[in-house]
Each structure stands twice: as C-alpha cells, then as structure tokens.
Amino acid sequence: MALILGKEYCKVDSNGRFKFPIALKRQLEAGAPAERMDGRFVIRQSVYAECLELWTYASFREEVEKLQAMLNPYRREDRDLLRKLTEGNIIELDTNDRLLIPAEQKAVVAEAKEVVLQSTGKFIELWDRKAYDRMNEAGGDYAQRAEELLGAKPVDADAK
C-alpha cells in the first residue's frame, strides 16, 4: 500500500468535479508496481468525521480483505459493520485528472466551492473547506493526546 502524504486545496466545479492534485498523484504513481494507482478510487463517507474518504482501489480492496478476515459474516453486528465500512463508490480520474464526487456523497461536501484533501497516510480525507476549518478550530489539545496515546515508553522484555 502506498504511503500518501500532504494537504491540498482544490476548487470544485458546478458539476462536482475537482482536479486531483499532481503532488498526490505522483506519490501514488511512484509506488511499487503492484501498488501503483490505476486511476481508480473508492470514495466513501467517513464513520468518524464530517468528510469523505478517498482510497486507491487497491488499498481499499486490501482493507476489505482485512475486514473480512476479522469479522464473522454470521454475526449480525459484524455483518452490519462490514456493510457500512464497505459502502462506497468506485470513481476514476478522467482524461484531465479530475474526479467526480458521486451524487450519494455530495451531501457531505454540500455546495462546497473548495475542498481540502488531507492525507492520513493510508487514504485521503476529502473535506468541505468550511467544515475542515471548523474541525481544526475545535481541534483540542493534540500535544496532550499525543502524550497520552504515544508517550508511554514500551516495556523492553529483553532488559529484565
């Protein structure tokens, strides 16, 4: 799976299309041959935030395979979760490197004139610019969260 880094601002046209940034596209094209982007993405609504998630098709397929291995299709809760987490649309770059936000997901970015593409390393979050700014303003104390979640020193079992 390709590592994706960066934050980009994109204008959205009246049809709900935006030009996929060349800086992100180059990262996806630079991956190993088996990981290279073929122009297909999966777009789904985030279950965690007021944004969309943009995955390369290959990365999303890998994610679904992990979910299928972890969840039991004969348990209703697992099946419902799998359904929700795999609910998305396949979209493709057009000849001008634009992506069209499907009608099903347009409500998340409403009438956005500008979107923010924020990488998470594994996939790209697609935010309405105004919602992104609100989220950042309300952000919280990231230094404290980092210390709580990442600051504990791991116990070295070999040091005993």
Protein backbone atom coordinates (compact mmCIF):
# COMPACT_ATOMS: atom_id res chain seq x y z
CA MET A 1 0.00 0.00 0.00
CA ALA A 2 1.30 3.41 -0.95
CA LEU A 3 2.09 5.99 1.71
CA ILE A 4 0.24 9.23 0.94
CA LEU A 5 1.38 12.50 2.50
CA GLY A 6 0.17 16.07 2.10
CA LYS A 7 -2.68 18.52 2.25
CA GLU A 8 -4.10 20.15 -0.87
CA TYR A 9 -6.85 22.67 -1.56
CA CYS A 10 -8.96 22.10 -4.68
CA LYS A 11 -11.66 24.11 -6.40
CA VAL A 12 -14.88 22.24 -7.17
CA ASP A 13 -16.73 22.99 -10.40
CA SER A 14 -20.52 23.21 -10.80
CA ASN A 15 -20.68 19.51 -11.73
CA GLY A 16 -18.98 18.38 -8.50
CA ARG A 17 -15.60 17.68 -10.09
CA PHE A 18 -12.18 18.69 -8.83
CA LYS A 19 -8.72 18.29 -10.28
CA PHE A 20 -6.74 15.66 -8.41
CA PRO A 21 -3.50 17.34 -7.26
CA ILE A 22 -0.37 16.36 -9.14
CA ALA A 23 1.65 16.13 -5.88
CA LEU A 24 -0.66 13.38 -4.60
CA LYS A 25 -0.90 11.67 -7.98
CA ARG A 26 2.90 11.44 -8.25
CA GLN A 27 3.10 9.76 -4.84
CA LEU A 28 0.55 7.17 -5.91
CA GLU A 29 2.30 6.56 -9.24
CA ALA A 30 5.67 6.13 -7.51
CA GLY A 31 4.60 3.06 -5.53
CA ALA A 32 5.78 -0.46 -6.18
CA PRO A 33 4.41 -1.93 -9.43
CA ALA A 34 1.78 -3.99 -7.60
CA GLU A 35 0.62 -0.91 -5.66
CA ARG A 36 0.65 1.67 -8.45
CA MET A 37 -2.51 3.61 -8.90
CA ASP A 38 -4.52 2.70 -11.97
CA GLY A 39 -6.73 5.81 -11.83
CA ARG A 40 -9.49 4.11 -9.81
CA PHE A 41 -10.51 5.23 -6.36
CA VAL A 42 -13.15 4.21 -3.86
CA ILE A 43 -14.94 7.06 -2.13
CA ARG A 44 -16.99 6.53 1.00
CA GLN A 45 -18.41 8.58 3.83
CA SER A 46 -16.27 8.56 6.95
CA VAL A 47 -17.80 6.97 10.02
CA TYR A 48 -15.64 9.21 12.22
CA ALA A 49 -15.89 12.72 10.77
CA GLU A 50 -17.87 15.04 8.53
CA CYS A 51 -15.80 14.12 5.48
CA LEU A 52 -15.36 11.61 2.70
CA GLU A 53 -12.54 9.09 2.43
CA LEU A 54 -10.73 8.61 -0.85
CA TRP A 55 -8.88 5.30 -1.16
CA THR A 56 -6.98 3.91 -4.12
CA TYR A 57 -8.89 0.90 -5.40
CA ALA A 58 -6.00 -1.44 -4.49
CA SER A 59 -5.75 -0.09 -0.93
CA PHE A 60 -9.49 -0.33 -0.39
CA ARG A 61 -9.50 -3.91 -1.63
CA GLU A 62 -6.72 -4.74 0.82
CA GLU A 63 -8.70 -3.05 3.63
CA VAL A 64 -11.84 -5.04 2.78
CA GLU A 65 -9.85 -8.28 2.81
CA LYS A 66 -8.59 -7.43 6.33
CA LEU A 67 -12.12 -6.64 7.49
CA GLN A 68 -13.45 -9.91 6.05
CA ALA A 69 -10.76 -11.82 7.92
CA MET A 70 -11.58 -10.05 11.21
CA LEU A 71 -15.38 -10.10 11.07
CA ASN A 72 -17.77 -13.04 11.21
CA PRO A 73 -20.42 -12.81 8.46
CA TYR A 74 -22.76 -14.95 10.59
CA ARG A 75 -22.92 -12.33 13.36
CA ARG A 76 -25.39 -9.55 12.63
CA GLU A 77 -23.22 -6.84 14.25
CA ASP A 78 -20.18 -7.88 12.23
CA ARG A 79 -22.17 -8.05 9.00
CA ASP A 80 -23.72 -4.63 9.64
CA LEU A 81 -20.29 -3.14 10.33
CA LEU A 82 -18.79 -4.73 7.23
CA ARG A 83 -21.66 -3.37 5.15
CA LYS A 84 -21.15 0.15 6.49
CA LEU A 85 -17.37 0.10 6.10
CA THR A 86 -17.52 -1.19 2.51
CA GLU A 87 -20.25 1.21 1.43
CA GLY A 88 -18.64 3.30 -1.28
CA ASN A 89 -18.44 4.12 -4.96
CA ILE A 90 -15.72 3.45 -7.47
CA ILE A 91 -14.68 6.65 -9.23
CA GLU A 92 -11.98 7.19 -11.85
CA LEU A 93 -9.75 10.00 -12.95
CA ASP A 94 -10.94 11.44 -16.25
CA THR A 95 -8.55 12.45 -19.05
CA ASN A 96 -7.99 15.82 -17.31
CA ASP A 97 -7.15 14.19 -13.93
CA ARG A 98 -10.49 15.25 -12.43
CA LEU A 99 -12.62 13.25 -10.02
CA LEU A 100 -16.40 13.50 -9.87
CA ILE A 101 -17.97 13.30 -6.42
CA PRO A 102 -20.92 10.86 -6.79
CA ALA A 103 -24.41 12.11 -6.01
CA GLU A 104 -24.63 9.76 -2.99
CA GLN A 105 -21.70 11.50 -1.31
CA LYS A 106 -22.27 15.09 -2.46
CA ALA A 107 -24.37 15.85 0.62
CA VAL A 108 -21.24 15.52 2.78
CA VAL A 109 -19.48 18.31 0.93
CA ALA A 110 -22.78 20.12 0.27
CA GLU A 111 -22.34 23.04 -2.06
CA ALA A 112 -18.60 23.32 -1.49
CA LYS A 113 -16.71 25.57 -3.85
CA GLU A 114 -13.44 24.35 -2.37
CA VAL A 115 -12.43 21.05 -0.79
CA VAL A 116 -9.41 20.07 1.27
CA LEU A 117 -7.64 16.79 0.57
CA GLN A 118 -5.88 15.76 3.80
CA SER A 119 -3.84 12.58 3.75
CA THR A 120 -3.88 10.15 6.63
CA GLY A 121 -1.01 8.10 5.23
CA LYS A 122 -3.34 5.27 4.19
CA PHE A 123 -6.13 7.20 2.48
CA ILE A 124 -7.14 10.80 1.79
CA GLU A 125 -9.87 12.64 3.65
CA LEU A 126 -11.94 14.92 1.46
CA TRP A 127 -13.41 17.85 3.42
CA ASP A 128 -15.61 20.80 2.58
CA ARG A 129 -13.19 23.69 3.25
CA LYS A 130 -15.53 25.31 5.78
CA ALA A 131 -16.06 22.04 7.70
CA TYR A 132 -12.29 21.43 7.69
CA ASP A 133 -11.64 24.87 9.14
CA ARG A 134 -14.31 24.34 11.85
CA MET A 135 -12.81 20.97 12.75
CA ASN A 136 -9.34 22.49 13.08
CA GLU A 137 -10.62 25.38 15.21
CA ALA A 138 -12.32 22.94 17.60
CA GLY A 139 -9.36 20.53 17.44
CA GLY A 140 -8.34 20.27 21.03
CA ASP A 141 -5.02 19.68 22.69
CA TYR A 142 -3.07 17.50 20.26
CA ALA A 143 0.08 17.64 22.40
CA GLN A 144 -1.81 16.16 25.35
CA ARG A 145 -3.42 13.48 23.18
CA ALA A 146 -0.07 12.56 21.66
CA GLU A 147 1.47 12.23 25.10
CA GLU A 148 -1.43 10.11 26.38
CA LEU A 149 -1.58 7.82 23.38
CA LEU A 150 2.01 7.71 22.21
CA GLY A 151 4.14 8.94 25.11
CA ALA A 152 4.31 5.80 27.21
CA LYS A 153 7.63 4.07 26.84
CA PRO A 154 7.25 0.47 25.73
CA VAL A 155 8.40 -2.15 28.19
CA ASP A 156 11.54 -3.84 26.91
CA ALA A 157 11.05 -7.52 27.78
CA ASP A 158 14.70 -8.29 26.95
CA ALA A 159 16.02 -5.75 29.50
CA LYS A 160 14.87 -7.84 32.50
